[in-house]
C-alpha atoms as a PDB file:
ATOM      1  CA  MET A   1       0.000   0.000   0.000  1.00  0.00           C
ATOM      2  CA  SER A   2       1.184   3.526  -0.762  1.00  0.00           C
ATOM      3  CA  LYS A   3      -0.089   7.033  -0.232  1.00  0.00           C
ATOM      4  CA  GLN A   4       0.583   9.877  -2.629  1.00  0.00           C
ATOM      5  CA  TYR A   5       0.757  13.477  -1.471  1.00  0.00           C
ATOM      6  CA  LEU A   6       0.893  16.749  -3.359  1.00  0.00           C
ATOM      7  CA  THR A   7       2.315  19.988  -1.982  1.00  0.00           C
ATOM      8  CA  ALA A   8      -0.879  22.017  -1.671  1.00  0.00           C
ATOM      9  CA  HIS A   9       0.475  25.289  -0.265  1.00  0.00           C
ATOM     10  CA  THR A  10       3.683  26.662   1.227  1.00  0.00           C
ATOM     11  CA  ILE A  11       3.976  29.753   3.397  1.00  0.00           C
ATOM     12  CA  ASP A  12       7.538  31.037   3.261  1.00  0.00           C
ATOM     13  CA  ASN A  13       8.763  33.648   5.733  1.00  0.00           C
ATOM     14  CA  ALA A  14       5.768  32.985   7.994  1.00  0.00           C
ATOM     15  CA  HIS A  15       8.005  33.859  10.940  1.00  0.00           C
ATOM     16  CA  GLU A  16      11.269  35.741  11.256  1.00  0.00           C
ATOM     17  CA  SER A  17      13.068  32.565  12.326  1.00  0.00           C
ATOM     18  CA  ALA A  18      12.687  28.781  12.262  1.00  0.00           C
ATOM     19  CA  ILE A  19       9.263  27.475  13.300  1.00  0.00           C
ATOM     20  CA  TYR A  20       9.427  25.076  16.251  1.00  0.00           C
ATOM     21  CA  ALA A  21       5.832  24.909  17.482  1.00  0.00           C
ATOM     22  CA  LEU A  22       2.648  23.727  15.772  1.00  0.00           C
ATOM     23  CA  GLY A  23      -0.938  23.260  16.883  1.00  0.00           C
ATOM     24  CA  VAL A  24      -3.770  22.453  14.481  1.00  0.00           C
ATOM     25  CA  THR A  25      -7.553  22.785  14.848  1.00  0.00           C
ATOM     26  CA  ALA A  26     -10.271  22.671  12.213  1.00  0.00           C
ATOM     27  CA  GLU A  27     -10.166  26.485  12.080  1.00  0.00           C
ATOM     28  CA  TYR A  28      -6.592  27.492  12.854  1.00  0.00           C
ATOM     29  CA  THR A  29      -3.014  26.423  12.257  1.00  0.00           C
ATOM     30  CA  LEU A  30      -1.064  27.922  15.172  1.00  0.00           C
ATOM     31  CA  THR A  31       2.691  28.336  14.828  1.00  0.00           C
ATOM     32  CA  GLY A  32       5.442  29.591  17.098  1.00  0.00           C
ATOM     33  CA  SER A  33       9.118  30.315  16.466  1.00  0.00           C
ATOM     34  CA  GLY A  34      12.158  32.056  17.847  1.00  0.00           C
ATOM     35  CA  SER A  35      10.308  35.350  17.407  1.00  0.00           C
ATOM     36  CA  SER A  36       7.771  36.637  19.935  1.00  0.00           C
ATOM     37  CA  ALA A  37       4.513  36.205  17.997  1.00  0.00           C
ATOM     38  CA  ILE A  38       2.185  33.202  17.701  1.00  0.00           C
ATOM     39  CA  LYS A  39       0.460  33.235  14.323  1.00  0.00           C
ATOM     40  CA  LEU A  40      -2.877  31.730  13.352  1.00  0.00           C
ATOM     41  CA  HIS A  41      -3.391  30.795   9.708  1.00  0.00           C
ATOM     42  CA  SER A  42      -6.623  29.367   8.349  1.00  0.00           C
ATOM     43  CA  THR A  43      -6.734  25.580   8.243  1.00  0.00           C
ATOM     44  CA  ARG A  44      -9.900  25.390   6.108  1.00  0.00           C
ATOM     45  CA  ASP A  45      -9.121  27.935   3.405  1.00  0.00           C
ATOM     46  CA  PRO A  46      -6.899  26.292   0.737  1.00  0.00           C
ATOM     47  CA  THR A  47      -4.819  29.494   0.542  1.00  0.00           C
ATOM     48  CA  HIS A  48      -4.319  29.418   4.325  1.00  0.00           C
ATOM     49  CA  PRO A  49      -4.346  33.184   4.942  1.00  0.00           C
ATOM     50  CA  LEU A  50      -3.118  34.708   8.188  1.00  0.00           C
ATOM     51  CA  LEU A  51      -6.212  35.288  10.342  1.00  0.00           C
ATOM     52  CA  HIS A  52      -4.789  36.496  13.635  1.00  0.00           C
ATOM     53  CA  THR A  53      -1.545  37.145  15.513  1.00  0.00           C
ATOM     54  CA  PHE A  54      -0.921  36.968  19.233  1.00  0.00           C
ATOM     55  CA  ASP A  55       1.730  39.689  19.368  1.00  0.00           C
ATOM     56  CA  ASP A  56       4.440  39.474  22.034  1.00  0.00           C
ATOM     57  CA  ALA A  57       3.126  36.084  23.168  1.00  0.00           C
ATOM     58  CA  HIS A  58       6.601  35.053  24.315  1.00  0.00           C
ATOM     59  CA  LYS A  59       9.366  37.625  24.253  1.00  0.00           C
ATOM     60  CA  LEU A  60      12.115  35.044  23.680  1.00  0.00           C
ATOM     61  CA  GLY A  61      10.080  32.875  21.306  1.00  0.00           C
ATOM     62  CA  CYS A  62       7.798  29.846  21.569  1.00  0.00           C
ATOM     63  CA  HIS A  63       8.969  26.229  21.474  1.00  0.00           C
ATOM     64  CA  HIS A  64       5.719  24.267  22.025  1.00  0.00           C
ATOM     65  CA  ILE A  65       2.014  24.751  21.275  1.00  0.00           C
ATOM     66  CA  ALA A  66      -0.732  22.303  22.280  1.00  0.00           C
ATOM     67  CA  VAL A  67      -4.372  22.551  21.216  1.00  0.00           C
ATOM     68  CA  SER A  68      -7.563  20.802  22.252  1.00  0.00           C
ATOM     69  CA  LYS A  69      -9.340  18.645  19.714  1.00  0.00           C
ATOM     70  CA  THR A  70     -12.458  20.760  20.284  1.00  0.00           C
ATOM     71  CA  GLY A  71     -10.521  23.734  18.952  1.00  0.00           C
ATOM     72  CA  LYS A  72     -11.504  25.967  21.861  1.00  0.00           C
ATOM     73  CA  ARG A  73      -8.239  26.164  23.792  1.00  0.00           C
ATOM     74  CA  ALA A  74      -4.481  26.300  23.209  1.00  0.00           C
ATOM     75  CA  VAL A  75      -1.489  26.384  25.523  1.00  0.00           C
ATOM     76  CA  SER A  76       1.935  27.706  24.564  1.00  0.00           C
ATOM     77  CA  ALA A  77       5.340  27.355  26.227  1.00  0.00           C
ATOM     78  CA  GLY A  78       8.063  29.907  25.617  1.00  0.00           C
ATOM     79  CA  PHE A  79      11.804  30.158  25.980  1.00  0.00           C
ATOM     80  CA  ASP A  80      11.066  32.785  28.637  1.00  0.00           C
ATOM     81  CA  GLY A  81       9.778  29.977  30.874  1.00  0.00           C
ATOM     82  CA  ARG A  82       6.180  31.199  30.772  1.00  0.00           C
ATOM     83  CA  MET A  83       3.155  29.086  29.844  1.00  0.00           C
ATOM     84  CA  LYS A  84       0.084  30.823  28.467  1.00  0.00           C
ATOM     85  CA  ILE A  85      -3.464  29.615  27.897  1.00  0.00           C
ATOM     86  CA  TRP A  86      -5.333  30.990  24.873  1.00  0.00           C
ATOM     87  CA  ASP A  87      -9.073  31.215  24.237  1.00  0.00           C
ATOM     88  CA  LEU A  88      -9.442  30.287  20.562  1.00  0.00           C
ATOM     89  CA  GLU A  89     -13.133  31.129  20.441  1.00  0.00           C
ATOM     90  CA  ASN A  90     -12.567  34.766  21.367  1.00  0.00           C
ATOM     91  CA  LEU A  91      -8.927  34.904  20.190  1.00  0.00           C
ATOM     92  CA  GLU A  92      -7.608  36.267  23.449  1.00  0.00           C
ATOM     93  CA  PRO A  93      -5.270  35.234  26.272  1.00  0.00           C
ATOM     94  CA  ASN A  94      -6.872  33.486  29.210  1.00  0.00           C
ATOM     95  CA  GLN A  95      -4.638  32.453  32.121  1.00  0.00           C
ATOM     96  CA  GLU A  96      -1.027  31.535  32.743  1.00  0.00           C
ATOM     97  CA  ILE A  97       0.220  28.389  34.435  1.00  0.00           C
ATOM     98  CA  THR A  98       2.408  30.445  36.722  1.00  0.00           C
ATOM     99  CA  SER A  99       3.566  27.644  39.022  1.00  0.00           C
ATOM    100  CA  ALA A 100       4.570  25.193  36.279  1.00  0.00           C
ATOM    101  CA  SER A 101       8.211  26.293  36.235  1.00  0.00           C
ATOM    102  CA  LYS A 102       8.863  26.567  39.972  1.00  0.00           C
ATOM    103  CA  ASP A 103      10.710  23.248  40.069  1.00  0.00           C
ATOM    104  CA  GLY A 104      12.508  23.585  36.740  1.00  0.00           C
ATOM    105  CA  LYS A 105      12.074  25.183  33.348  1.00  0.00           C
ATOM    106  CA  THR A 106       9.026  23.806  31.528  1.00  0.00           C
ATOM    107  CA  TRP A 107       9.603  22.335  28.084  1.00  0.00           C
ATOM    108  CA  PRO A 108       6.972  19.983  26.528  1.00  0.00           C
ATOM    109  CA  ILE A 109       3.200  20.348  26.872  1.00  0.00           C
ATOM    110  CA  SER A 110       0.111  18.430  25.730  1.00  0.00           C
ATOM    111  CA  LEU A 111      -3.665  18.814  26.096  1.00  0.00           C
ATOM    112  CA  SER A 112      -6.508  16.348  26.497  1.00  0.00           C
ATOM    113  CA  ALA A 113      -9.067  16.298  23.687  1.00  0.00           C
ATOM    114  CA  ASP A 114     -11.537  18.522  25.542  1.00  0.00           C
ATOM    115  CA  GLY A 115      -8.804  20.915  26.682  1.00  0.00           C
ATOM    116  CA  SER A 116      -9.571  20.566  30.371  1.00  0.00           C
ATOM    117  CA  ARG A 117      -6.287  18.832  31.237  1.00  0.00           C
ATOM    118  CA  CYS A 118      -2.716  19.829  30.436  1.00  0.00           C
ATOM    119  CA  ILE A 119       0.495  17.891  31.014  1.00  0.00           C
ATOM    120  CA  THR A 120       3.894  19.563  31.308  1.00  0.00           C
ATOM    121  CA  GLY A 121       7.456  18.294  31.519  1.00  0.00           C
ATOM    122  CA  SER A 122      10.503  20.130  32.795  1.00  0.00           C
ATOM    123  CA  HIS A 123      14.285  20.183  32.581  1.00  0.00           C
ATOM    124  CA  ASN A 124      14.558  18.532  36.001  1.00  0.00           C
ATOM    125  CA  GLY A 125      12.224  15.687  35.059  1.00  0.00           C
ATOM    126  CA  ARG A 126       9.086  16.877  36.833  1.00  0.00           C
ATOM    127  CA  VAL A 127       5.933  15.786  34.993  1.00  0.00           C
ATOM    128  CA  LYS A 128       2.762  17.535  36.106  1.00  0.00           C
ATOM    129  CA  VAL A 129      -0.927  17.354  35.167  1.00  0.00           C
ATOM    130  CA  TRP A 130      -3.119  20.462  35.473  1.00  0.00           C
ATOM    131  CA  ASP A 131      -6.834  21.265  35.552  1.00  0.00           C
ATOM    132  CA  LEU A 132      -7.216  24.246  33.202  1.00  0.00           C
ATOM    133  CA  ASP A 133     -10.902  24.762  34.018  1.00  0.00           C
ATOM    134  CA  LYS A 134      -9.963  26.056  37.458  1.00  0.00           C
ATOM    135  CA  THR A 135      -9.003  29.662  38.211  1.00  0.00           C
ATOM    136  CA  PRO A 136      -6.189  29.752  39.059  1.00  0.00           C
ATOM    137  CA  VAL A 137      -5.052  26.605  37.277  1.00  0.00           C
ATOM    138  CA  LEU A 138      -4.986  23.628  39.664  1.00  0.00           C
ATOM    139  CA  GLN A 139      -2.193  21.054  39.787  1.00  0.00           C
ATOM    140  CA  LEU A 140      -3.720  17.559  39.870  1.00  0.00           C
ATOM    141  CA  ARG A 141      -0.709  15.243  39.685  1.00  0.00           C
ATOM    142  CA  GLU A 142       3.061  15.344  39.903  1.00  0.00           C
ATOM    143  CA  TYR A 143       5.212  12.421  38.806  1.00  0.00           C
ATOM    144  CA  GLU A 144       8.849  11.800  39.710  1.00  0.00           C
ATOM    145  CA  THR A 145      11.037  10.611  36.837  1.00  0.00           C
ATOM    146  CA  LYS A 146      14.529  10.446  38.382  1.00  0.00           C
ATOM    147  CA  ASN A 147      15.305  14.126  37.668  1.00  0.00           C
ATOM    148  CA  VAL A 148      16.050  13.492  33.979  1.00  0.00           C
ATOM    149  CA  PHE A 149      15.051  16.137  31.414  1.00  0.00           C
ATOM    150  CA  ALA A 150      11.526  15.430  30.110  1.00  0.00           C
ATOM    151  CA  MET A 151      11.828  16.193  26.398  1.00  0.00           C
ATOM    152  CA  CYS A 152       8.292  15.192  25.391  1.00  0.00           C
ATOM    153  CA  VAL A 153       4.913  14.393  26.951  1.00  0.00           C
ATOM    154  CA  ASP A 154       1.472  13.311  25.815  1.00  0.00           C
ATOM    155  CA  LEU A 155      -1.986  12.858  27.303  1.00  0.00           C
ATOM    156  CA  SER A 156      -4.417  10.233  26.103  1.00  0.00           C
ATOM    157  CA  SER A 157      -7.504  11.715  24.443  1.00  0.00           C
ATOM    158  CA  ASP A 158      -9.619  11.121  27.569  1.00  0.00           C
ATOM    159  CA  GLY A 159      -6.902  12.474  29.872  1.00  0.00           C
ATOM    160  CA  LYS A 160      -6.705   9.249  31.891  1.00  0.00           C
ATOM    161  CA  LEU A 161      -3.172   8.312  30.823  1.00  0.00           C
ATOM    162  CA  ALA A 162       0.042  10.295  30.551  1.00  0.00           C
ATOM    163  CA  ALA A 163       3.375   9.513  28.910  1.00  0.00           C
ATOM    164  CA  SER A 164       6.765  11.170  29.073  1.00  0.00           C
ATOM    165  CA  GLY A 165      10.025  10.677  27.165  1.00  0.00           C
ATOM    166  CA  HIS A 166      13.413  11.649  28.565  1.00  0.00           C
ATOM    167  CA  GLU A 167      16.932  12.636  27.629  1.00  0.00           C
ATOM    168  CA  ASN A 168      18.372   9.327  28.875  1.00  0.00           C
ATOM    169  CA  GLY A 169      16.018   7.250  26.688  1.00  0.00           C
ATOM    170  CA  GLY A 170      13.527   6.506  29.441  1.00  0.00           C
ATOM    171  CA  VAL A 171       9.780   6.414  28.739  1.00  0.00           C
ATOM    172  CA  TYR A 172       7.101   6.377  31.432  1.00  0.00           C
ATOM    173  CA  ILE A 173       3.369   5.721  31.264  1.00  0.00           C
ATOM    174  CA  PHE A 174       1.247   7.013  34.152  1.00  0.00           C
ATOM    175  CA  ASN A 175      -2.337   6.427  35.247  1.00  0.00           C
ATOM    176  CA  ASN A 176      -3.814   9.843  36.083  1.00  0.00           C
ATOM    177  CA  GLU A 177      -6.770   8.295  37.899  1.00  0.00           C
ATOM    178  CA  THR A 178      -4.622   6.458  40.440  1.00  0.00           C
ATOM    179  CA  GLY A 179      -1.625   8.781  40.323  1.00  0.00           C
ATOM    180  CA  ARG A 180       0.700   5.824  39.838  1.00  0.00           C
ATOM    181  CA  MET A 181       3.237   4.815  37.242  1.00  0.00           C
ATOM    182  CA  ALA A 182       1.863   2.066  35.002  1.00  0.00           C
ATOM    183  CA  HIS A 183       5.044   1.257  33.066  1.00  0.00           C
ATOM    184  CA  SER A 184       8.703   2.237  33.011  1.00  0.00           C
ATOM    185  CA  ILE A 185      10.248   1.557  29.607  1.00  0.00           C
ATOM    186  CA  THR A 186      14.035   1.448  29.343  1.00  0.00           C
ATOM    187  CA  GLY A 187      16.526   0.340  26.731  1.00  0.00           C
ATOM    188  CA  LEU A 188      16.222   3.125  24.145  1.00  0.00           C
ATOM    189  CA  ILE A 189      19.357   4.763  25.639  1.00  0.00           C
ATOM    190  CA  LYS A 190      19.354   7.832  23.363  1.00  0.00           C
ATOM    191  CA  PRO A 191      17.129  10.916  23.893  1.00  0.00           C
ATOM    192  CA  VAL A 192      13.387  10.508  23.319  1.00  0.00           C
ATOM    193  CA  ARG A 193      11.942  13.529  21.500  1.00  0.00           C
ATOM    194  CA  ALA A 194       8.357  12.438  20.764  1.00  0.00           C
ATOM    195  CA  VAL A 195       5.697  10.268  22.422  1.00  0.00           C
ATOM    196  CA  ALA A 196       2.127   9.962  21.155  1.00  0.00           C
ATOM    197  CA  PHE A 197      -0.869   7.872  22.203  1.00  0.00           C
ATOM    198  CA  SER A 198      -2.993   6.392  19.433  1.00  0.00           C
ATOM    199  CA  PRO A 199      -6.567   7.769  19.232  1.00  0.00           C
ATOM    200  CA  ALA A 200      -7.937   4.762  21.138  1.00  0.00           C
ATOM    201  CA  SER A 201      -5.008   4.917  23.609  1.00  0.00           C
ATOM    202  CA  LYS A 202      -4.091   1.288  22.920  1.00  0.00           C
ATOM    203  CA  LEU A 203      -0.660   2.049  21.444  1.00  0.00           C
ATOM    204  CA  LEU A 204       2.132   4.495  22.260  1.00  0.00           C
ATOM    205  CA  ALA A 205       4.515   5.615  19.526  1.00  0.00           C
ATOM    206  CA  VAL A 206       7.997   6.722  20.604  1.00  0.00           C
ATOM    207  CA  GLY A 207      10.684   8.443  18.529  1.00  0.00           C
ATOM    208  CA  GLY A 208      13.976  10.212  19.049  1.00  0.00           C
ATOM    209  CA  ASP A 209      17.700  10.079  18.391  1.00  0.00           C
ATOM    210  CA  PHE A 210      17.631   6.283  17.934  1.00  0.00           C
ATOM    211  CA  GLN A 211      15.897   6.932  14.558  1.00  0.00           C
ATOM    212  CA  VAL A 212      13.363   4.077  14.654  1.00  0.00           C
ATOM    213  CA  ILE A 213       9.747   4.560  15.740  1.00  0.00           C
ATOM    214  CA  ALA A 214       9.070   2.139  18.579  1.00  0.00           C
ATOM    215  CA  ILE A 215       5.440   1.088  19.105  1.00  0.00           C
ATOM    216  CA  TYR A 216       4.344  -0.125  22.546  1.00  0.00           C
ATOM    217  CA  ASP A 217       1.197  -1.791  23.843  1.00  0.00           C
ATOM    218  CA  VAL A 218      -0.139   0.605  26.480  1.00  0.00           C
ATOM    219  CA  ARG A 219      -1.826  -2.064  28.599  1.00  0.00           C
ATOM    220  CA  SER A 220       1.183  -4.388  28.894  1.00  0.00           C
ATOM    221  CA  GLY A 221       4.017  -1.927  28.317  1.00  0.00           C
ATOM    222  CA  GLU A 222       5.563  -4.366  25.837  1.00  0.00           C
ATOM    223  CA  GLN A 223       7.162  -3.248  22.580  1.00  0.00           C
ATOM    224  CA  VAL A 224       5.145  -4.727  19.718  1.00  0.00           C
ATOM    225  CA  PHE A 225       7.071  -3.543  16.654  1.00  0.00           C
ATOM    226  CA  ASN A 226       9.413  -0.924  15.166  1.00  0.00           C
ATOM    227  CA  LEU A 227       9.023   1.337  12.148  1.00  0.00           C
ATOM    228  CA  VAL A 228      12.419   1.631  10.450  1.00  0.00           C
ATOM    229  CA  GLY A 229      13.435   4.160   7.795  1.00  0.00           C
ATOM    230  CA  HIS A 230      14.516   7.474   9.305  1.00  0.00           C
ATOM    231  CA  THR A 231      18.242   8.256   9.183  1.00  0.00           C
ATOM    232  CA  SER A 232      18.335  11.083  11.740  1.00  0.00           C
ATOM    233  CA  TRP A 233      16.652  12.374  14.886  1.00  0.00           C
ATOM    234  CA  VAL A 234      12.871  12.063  14.925  1.00  0.00           C
ATOM    235  CA  PHE A 235      11.298  15.269  16.259  1.00  0.00           C
ATOM    236  CA  SER A 236       7.558  14.756  15.938  1.00  0.00           C
ATOM    237  CA  ILE A 237       4.843  12.081  15.772  1.00  0.00           C
ATOM    238  CA  SER A 238       1.191  12.478  14.750  1.00  0.00           C
ATOM    239  CA  TRP A 239      -1.544   9.829  14.521  1.00  0.00           C
ATOM    240  CA  SER A 240      -4.295   9.978  11.912  1.00  0.00           C
ATOM    241  CA  GLU A 241      -7.836  10.261  13.301  1.00  0.00           C
ATOM    242  CA  THR A 242      -8.541   6.596  12.537  1.00  0.00           C
ATOM    243  CA  GLY A 243      -5.268   5.413  14.065  1.00  0.00           C
ATOM    244  CA  HIS A 244      -4.422   3.543  10.858  1.00  0.00           C
ATOM    245  CA  PHE A 245      -1.514   5.840   9.950  1.00  0.00           C
ATOM    246  CA  LEU A 246       1.333   7.630  11.680  1.00  0.00           C
ATOM    247  CA  ALA A 247       3.245  10.690  10.445  1.00  0.00           C
ATOM    248  CA  THR A 248       6.757  11.495  11.656  1.00  0.00           C
ATOM    249  CA  SER A 249       9.216  14.319  10.967  1.00  0.00           C
ATOM    250  CA  ALA A 250      12.973  14.384  11.357  1.00  0.00           C
ATOM    251  CA  PHE A 251      16.150  16.458  11.480  1.00  0.00           C
ATOM    252  CA  ASP A 252      17.111  15.513   7.905  1.00  0.00           C
ATOM    253  CA  GLY A 253      14.048  17.291   6.484  1.00  0.00           C
ATOM    254  CA  LYS A 254      12.098  14.121   5.782  1.00  0.00           C
ATOM    255  CA  THR A 255       8.461  13.555   6.737  1.00  0.00           C
ATOM    256  CA  LYS A 256       7.238   9.973   6.583  1.00  0.00           C
ATOM    257  CA  VAL A 257       3.771   8.433   6.712  1.00  0.00           C
ATOM    258  CA  TRP A 258       3.526   4.882   8.042  1.00  0.00           C
ATOM    259  CA  SER A 259       0.841   2.220   7.802  1.00  0.00           C
ATOM    260  CA  ILE A 260       0.207   0.615  11.181  1.00  0.00           C
ATOM    261  CA  GLU A 261      -1.428  -2.386   9.519  1.00  0.00           C
ATOM    262  CA  SER A 262       1.488  -3.181   7.199  1.00  0.00           C
ATOM    263  CA  ARG A 263       4.107  -1.722   9.564  1.00  0.00           C
ATOM    264  CA  SER A 264       5.778   0.038   6.669  1.00  0.00           C
ATOM    265  CA  CYS A 265       6.448   3.508   5.254  1.00  0.00           C
ATOM    266  CA  VAL A 266       3.863   4.436   2.629  1.00  0.00           C
ATOM    267  CA  THR A 267       5.292   7.822   1.614  1.00  0.00           C
ATOM    268  CA  THR A 268       8.283  10.094   2.207  1.00  0.00           C
ATOM    269  CA  LEU A 269       8.003  13.865   1.785  1.00  0.00           C
ATOM    270  CA  GLY A 270      10.540  16.708   1.781  1.00  0.00           C
ATOM    271  CA  GLU A 271      13.678  17.332  -0.213  1.00  0.00           C
ATOM    272  CA  SER A 272      14.942  20.590   1.286  1.00  0.00           C
ATOM    273  CA  GLY A 273      17.269  18.944   3.778  1.00  0.00           C
ATOM    274  CA  LYS A 274      16.200  21.479   6.413  1.00  0.00           C
ATOM    275  CA  PRO A 275      14.866  20.092   9.714  1.00  0.00           C
ATOM    276  CA  VAL A 276      11.124  19.507   9.989  1.00  0.00           C
ATOM    277  CA  PHE A 277      10.363  20.236  13.624  1.00  0.00           C
ATOM    278  CA  GLN A 278       6.672  19.308  13.682  1.00  0.00           C
ATOM    279  CA  VAL A 279       4.159  17.389  11.589  1.00  0.00           C
ATOM    280  CA  SER A 280       0.420  17.027  12.111  1.00  0.00           C
ATOM    281  CA  PHE A 281      -2.441  15.382  10.301  1.00  0.00           C
ATOM    282  CA  LEU A 282      -5.107  17.969   9.574  1.00  0.00           C
ATOM    283  CA  PRO A 283      -8.621  17.498  10.976  1.00  0.00           C
ATOM    284  CA  LYS A 284     -10.434  15.377   8.432  1.00  0.00           C
ATOM    285  CA  LEU A 285     -12.511  17.743   6.292  1.00  0.00           C
ATOM    286  CA  GLY A 286     -12.709  15.627   3.128  1.00  0.00           C
ATOM    287  CA  SER A 287     -11.847  12.150   1.926  1.00  0.00           C
ATOM    288  CA  GLY A 288      -8.075  12.480   2.275  1.00  0.00           C
ATOM    289  CA  GLU A 289      -5.713  12.493   5.253  1.00  0.00           C
ATOM    290  CA  ASP A 290      -3.877  15.752   4.714  1.00  0.00           C
ATOM    291  CA  LEU A 291      -0.769  17.008   6.518  1.00  0.00           C
ATOM    292  CA  VAL A 292       0.989  20.176   7.618  1.00  0.00           C
ATOM    293  CA  THR A 293       4.661  20.511   8.550  1.00  0.00           C
ATOM    294  CA  VAL A 294       6.743  23.332   9.995  1.00  0.00           C
ATOM    295  CA  GLY A 295      10.437  24.123   9.987  1.00  0.00           C
ATOM    296  CA  SER A 296      11.831  26.775   7.692  1.00  0.00           C
ATOM    297  CA  SER A 297       8.282  27.264   6.337  1.00  0.00           C
ATOM    298  CA  ILE A 298       4.694  26.094   6.803  1.00  0.00           C
ATOM    299  CA  THR A 299       3.874  23.439   4.216  1.00  0.00           C
ATOM    300  CA  TYR A 300       0.479  21.860   3.613  1.00  0.00           C
ATOM    301  CA  TYR A 301       0.210  18.510   1.823  1.00  0.00           C
ATOM    302  CA  ARG A 302      -2.931  17.120   0.203  1.00  0.00           C
ATOM    303  CA  GLU A 303      -3.426  13.389  -0.163  1.00  0.00           C
ATOM    304  CA  ALA A 304      -3.861  12.643  -3.854  1.00  0.00           C
ATOM    305  CA  SER A 305      -7.102  10.925  -4.762  1.00  0.00           C
ATOM    306  CA  GLY A 306      -5.159   8.519  -6.979  1.00  0.00           C
ATOM    307  CA  ALA A 307      -3.241   6.803  -4.163  1.00  0.00           C
ATOM    308  CA  GLN A 308      -2.415   3.260  -5.233  1.00  0.00           C
ATOM    309  CA  ASN A 309      -2.552  -0.003  -3.372  1.00  0.00           C
ATOM    310  CA  GLY A 310       0.465  -2.162  -3.992  1.00  0.00           C
END
């Protein structure tokens, strides 16, 4: 089986510097970079015009953006150490998670599907879960991970499970209902830069400097298979809405789409050689499973209707 993609639209010079952060809703494509602004381009409009800018969102730039699947809320994390919550219905700032960085500089963030829960990871390994519906924001859980830099985190769609990946190659899965660690996964050795639960939360995909994509069974914690094909650091992982496909982006400028059923790469995108820091499937608006990537530019890909089975 193969998938064919066409470059649908590219936005060059969207930011003054490289784009590190990406969050996608049905309405907005949010991007953050080394500059202070967070920009919101249209996701629906095929020309993807700029619709709004959060000026001076983070004075030193933004390295992570997380959005709710409902499209109502976003959270951003900046190099200034601040974390801001954004109301995407009224396009205005809401609260800040002011206590997130007390025990170490916050780095990765992720939101539950409804946007009520946020998970953060820090340079000293603290992993925390927050209730964003409270004012001020309420810390619900804090997990100890041996003081090793948490480079990536993810929440399951229902917010019941959390995962973190660390600089030493460690991966942890937590149960947010009990507050206990469900699984400690070791053996990857090199830094883990991306963790992502499948839509049904049955699988966890893990990527990083070890180049392969390792797939784990969430219930047992056992590794079930690897996806092999990247030749450099893997920065980002995104599941399709059905959970049948996985998209990954890497330091070498390549974006790959993988079939979970066949456990193989079904397409490779990107020839620029410049790092692709984030990839995301777009909310399904038509028959195809379209993509957006960010790095030196914002690039939208449309799945071609003539994709072949082979």
